[in-house]
Amino acid sequence: MRVLTKDEFPLCHDELFELINSGSSFIYPTDTIYGLGCNAEDFEAVEKIRKIKDRPEAAFSVIAPSKNWIRMHCEINECAEAWLEKLPGPYTLILPAKDGIAKNVAPGKKTLGVRMPQHWFLDIIAELGKPIVTTSANKAGDNFMTSLEDMDDTLKPSIDFMFYEGEKNGTPSTIVDLSEPFAKVIER
């Protein structure tokens, strides 16, 4: 697994975008914790994340490249629009989905969890212009990753690269279900 810093990204920008577009799995920092992701439009890449996490069916969320992407690919009512104005931030918004992702991101669901972290990594996703699967960097049910030192060693062989910025002291994002007319905050 290749470990990169924010400052190293510009040196290998094209190569990393090509890796993401071709189905690579990677770990990245957010405003909360480290995430595990891939191109959310790539069915095979999403399957790889499911195997890495040992999470065969539960829905994943995505980091959206922009608010416009969310408006294009999700149904937005007045309440949801108010929550969109809080982005970027530490929220995962559950919205009625239209299209724009591989069917196995949220199998059997008519909703999609979307995030836009208040973090420099969002700029990379915005430039890429594609949604990225976002799930905690750990096996399902295990503690989430906050640093290289507590990364599950069984993940390393399946990860192509990682953006690392030191220890994270956050907690997972707040989930806000906007699939109904009114918002419902879900406690974790």
Protein backbone atom coordinates (compact mmCIF):
# COMPACT_ATOMS: atom_id res chain seq x y z
CA MET A 1 0.00 0.00 0.00
CA ARG A 2 1.36 3.36 -1.05
CA VAL A 3 1.01 6.14 1.56
CA LEU A 4 0.81 9.74 0.31
CA THR A 5 0.47 13.12 1.96
CA LYS A 6 -1.63 16.05 0.76
CA ASP A 7 1.56 17.71 -0.53
CA GLU A 8 2.45 14.66 -2.63
CA PHE A 9 -0.91 14.58 -4.43
CA PRO A 10 -0.02 17.18 -7.11
CA LEU A 11 3.09 15.16 -8.01
CA CYS A 12 1.02 12.10 -8.96
CA HIS A 13 -2.35 13.70 -9.72
CA ASP A 14 -2.92 12.10 -13.15
CA GLU A 15 -1.75 8.68 -12.01
CA LEU A 16 -4.06 8.69 -8.97
CA PHE A 17 -7.08 9.83 -11.00
CA GLU A 18 -6.36 7.03 -13.46
CA LEU A 19 -6.16 4.53 -10.59
CA ILE A 20 -9.49 5.73 -9.15
CA ASN A 21 -11.14 5.62 -12.57
CA SER A 22 -9.84 2.09 -13.15
CA GLY A 23 -11.28 0.65 -9.92
CA SER A 24 -8.65 1.14 -7.21
CA SER A 25 -9.58 1.07 -3.54
CA PHE A 26 -8.02 3.67 -1.27
CA ILE A 27 -8.11 5.23 2.19
CA TYR A 28 -8.51 8.96 2.68
CA PRO A 29 -8.98 11.48 5.51
CA THR A 30 -12.18 13.43 6.06
CA ASP A 31 -13.36 16.01 8.58
CA THR A 32 -14.32 13.14 10.90
CA ILE A 33 -12.35 9.87 10.47
CA TYR A 34 -10.49 7.93 7.76
CA GLY A 35 -12.66 6.60 4.96
CA LEU A 36 -12.34 3.65 2.63
CA GLY A 37 -13.46 4.32 -0.90
CA CYS A 38 -13.54 3.74 -4.62
CA ASN A 39 -15.28 5.11 -7.69
CA ALA A 40 -18.99 4.76 -6.81
CA GLU A 41 -19.86 4.42 -10.51
CA ASP A 42 -17.77 1.23 -10.85
CA PHE A 43 -19.68 -1.95 -9.90
CA GLU A 44 -16.53 -4.12 -9.61
CA ALA A 45 -14.71 -1.53 -7.49
CA VAL A 46 -17.68 -1.39 -5.10
CA GLU A 47 -17.67 -5.21 -4.89
CA LYS A 48 -13.99 -5.03 -3.91
CA ILE A 49 -14.86 -2.61 -1.06
CA ARG A 50 -17.62 -4.99 0.08
CA LYS A 51 -15.07 -7.84 0.29
CA ILE A 52 -12.49 -5.69 2.08
CA LYS A 53 -15.05 -4.62 4.70
CA ASP A 54 -16.75 -8.04 4.87
CA ARG A 55 -20.01 -6.16 4.35
CA PRO A 56 -21.91 -8.00 1.60
CA GLU A 57 -25.24 -6.14 1.60
CA ALA A 58 -25.49 -3.01 3.77
CA ALA A 59 -25.70 0.29 1.91
CA PHE A 60 -22.66 2.52 1.48
CA SER A 61 -22.75 6.31 1.30
CA VAL A 62 -20.87 8.47 -1.19
CA ILE A 63 -18.88 11.67 -1.11
CA ALA A 64 -20.55 13.80 -3.74
CA PRO A 65 -18.35 15.97 -5.96
CA SER A 66 -20.72 18.95 -5.60
CA LYS A 67 -24.12 20.11 -4.39
CA ASN A 68 -25.20 20.21 -8.03
CA TRP A 69 -24.33 16.52 -8.35
CA ILE A 70 -26.57 15.83 -5.33
CA ARG A 71 -29.41 17.85 -6.86
CA MET A 72 -29.05 15.97 -10.17
CA HIS A 73 -28.93 12.47 -8.66
CA CYS A 74 -31.21 12.78 -5.63
CA GLU A 75 -34.69 14.12 -4.99
CA ILE A 76 -34.45 17.35 -3.00
CA ASN A 77 -37.40 18.83 -1.13
CA GLU A 78 -37.42 22.11 0.83
CA CYS A 79 -36.18 20.46 4.02
CA ALA A 80 -33.37 18.68 2.17
CA GLU A 81 -32.35 21.92 0.47
CA ALA A 82 -31.92 23.54 3.90
CA TRP A 83 -29.62 20.66 4.93
CA LEU A 84 -27.67 20.93 1.67
CA GLU A 85 -26.79 24.47 2.72
CA LYS A 86 -24.99 23.00 5.76
CA LEU A 87 -22.58 21.18 3.43
CA PRO A 88 -19.70 20.79 3.42
CA GLY A 89 -19.80 19.53 6.97
CA PRO A 90 -19.87 16.44 9.22
CA TYR A 91 -23.23 15.14 7.96
CA THR A 92 -24.42 12.20 5.89
CA LEU A 93 -27.74 13.07 4.29
CA ILE A 94 -30.03 10.17 3.37
CA LEU A 95 -31.97 11.23 0.28
CA PRO A 96 -34.29 9.57 -2.24
CA ALA A 97 -31.96 8.49 -5.06
CA LYS A 98 -32.42 8.81 -8.81
CA ASP A 99 -29.27 7.44 -10.47
CA GLY A 100 -25.56 8.14 -10.90
CA ILE A 101 -24.01 5.29 -8.93
CA ALA A 102 -23.40 1.57 -9.33
CA LYS A 103 -26.42 -0.49 -8.25
CA ASN A 104 -24.41 -2.24 -5.52
CA VAL A 105 -23.59 0.96 -3.59
CA ALA A 106 -27.00 0.87 -1.90
CA PRO A 107 -28.49 -2.49 -2.97
CA GLY A 108 -32.25 -2.73 -2.64
CA LYS A 109 -32.52 0.88 -1.41
CA LYS A 110 -34.34 3.78 -2.99
CA THR A 111 -32.19 6.17 -0.99
CA LEU A 112 -28.55 7.22 -0.99
CA GLY A 113 -26.36 8.59 1.79
CA VAL A 114 -24.36 11.59 0.57
CA ARG A 115 -21.52 13.48 2.23
CA MET A 116 -19.44 16.52 1.47
CA PRO A 117 -16.77 16.70 4.18
CA GLN A 118 -15.35 20.03 5.29
CA HIS A 119 -11.89 18.88 4.26
CA TRP A 120 -9.29 19.38 1.52
CA PHE A 121 -10.05 15.89 0.19
CA LEU A 122 -13.40 17.19 -1.08
CA ASP A 123 -11.44 19.37 -3.55
CA ILE A 124 -9.94 16.21 -5.05
CA ILE A 125 -13.38 14.61 -5.41
CA ALA A 126 -14.76 17.83 -6.95
CA GLU A 127 -11.95 17.86 -9.50
CA LEU A 128 -12.46 14.16 -10.23
CA GLY A 129 -16.15 14.94 -10.80
CA LYS A 130 -17.35 11.52 -9.63
CA PRO A 131 -18.94 10.24 -6.44
CA ILE A 132 -16.68 8.17 -4.20
CA VAL A 133 -17.86 5.40 -1.88
CA THR A 134 -17.38 6.50 1.70
CA THR A 135 -17.34 4.02 4.53
CA SER A 136 -15.15 3.81 7.61
CA ALA A 137 -11.73 2.25 7.01
CA ASN A 138 -12.24 -0.96 8.99
CA LYS A 139 -13.81 -4.39 8.81
CA ALA A 140 -17.55 -4.26 9.50
CA GLY A 141 -18.14 -4.13 13.26
CA ASP A 142 -14.52 -3.28 14.19
CA ASN A 143 -13.22 0.05 15.49
CA PHE A 144 -12.81 2.70 12.82
CA MET A 145 -9.32 3.79 11.80
CA THR A 146 -7.93 6.99 13.30
CA SER A 147 -4.22 6.54 12.40
CA LEU A 148 -1.80 4.25 10.57
CA GLU A 149 -0.98 2.61 13.89
CA ASP A 150 -4.53 1.33 14.40
CA MET A 151 -5.17 0.30 10.80
CA ASP A 152 -6.35 -3.30 10.53
CA ASP A 153 -3.43 -5.21 8.95
CA THR A 154 -5.86 -7.39 6.99
CA LEU A 155 -6.94 -4.31 5.00
CA LYS A 156 -3.47 -3.37 3.74
CA PRO A 157 -3.09 -5.98 0.94
CA SER A 158 -6.37 -4.85 -0.66
CA ILE A 159 -5.72 -1.09 -0.56
CA ASP A 160 -3.92 0.50 -3.51
CA PHE A 161 -3.01 3.80 -1.87
CA MET A 162 -3.77 6.04 1.09
CA PHE A 163 -3.81 9.77 1.76
CA TYR A 164 -2.50 10.17 5.29
CA GLU A 165 -2.46 13.27 7.47
CA GLY A 166 -1.79 11.93 10.94
CA GLU A 167 -4.12 10.91 13.72
CA LYS A 168 -7.81 11.83 13.45
CA ASN A 169 -9.71 12.60 16.63
CA GLY A 170 -13.18 12.81 15.11
CA THR A 171 -16.21 10.59 15.22
CA PRO A 172 -18.31 9.36 12.29
CA SER A 173 -20.60 11.88 10.63
CA THR A 174 -24.11 12.62 11.89
CA ILE A 175 -26.75 10.84 9.80
CA VAL A 176 -29.77 12.91 8.76
CA ASP A 177 -32.60 10.96 7.10
CA LEU A 178 -34.29 13.22 4.57
CA SER A 179 -36.22 10.50 2.74
CA GLU A 180 -39.47 11.80 4.27
CA PRO A 181 -40.79 15.40 4.25
CA PHE A 182 -39.09 16.18 7.58
CA ALA A 183 -35.54 15.55 8.78
CA LYS A 184 -34.79 12.80 11.28
CA VAL A 185 -31.36 12.81 12.94
CA ILE A 186 -30.16 9.23 13.55
CA GLU A 187 -27.99 8.60 16.58
CA ARG A 188 -24.95 6.33 16.10
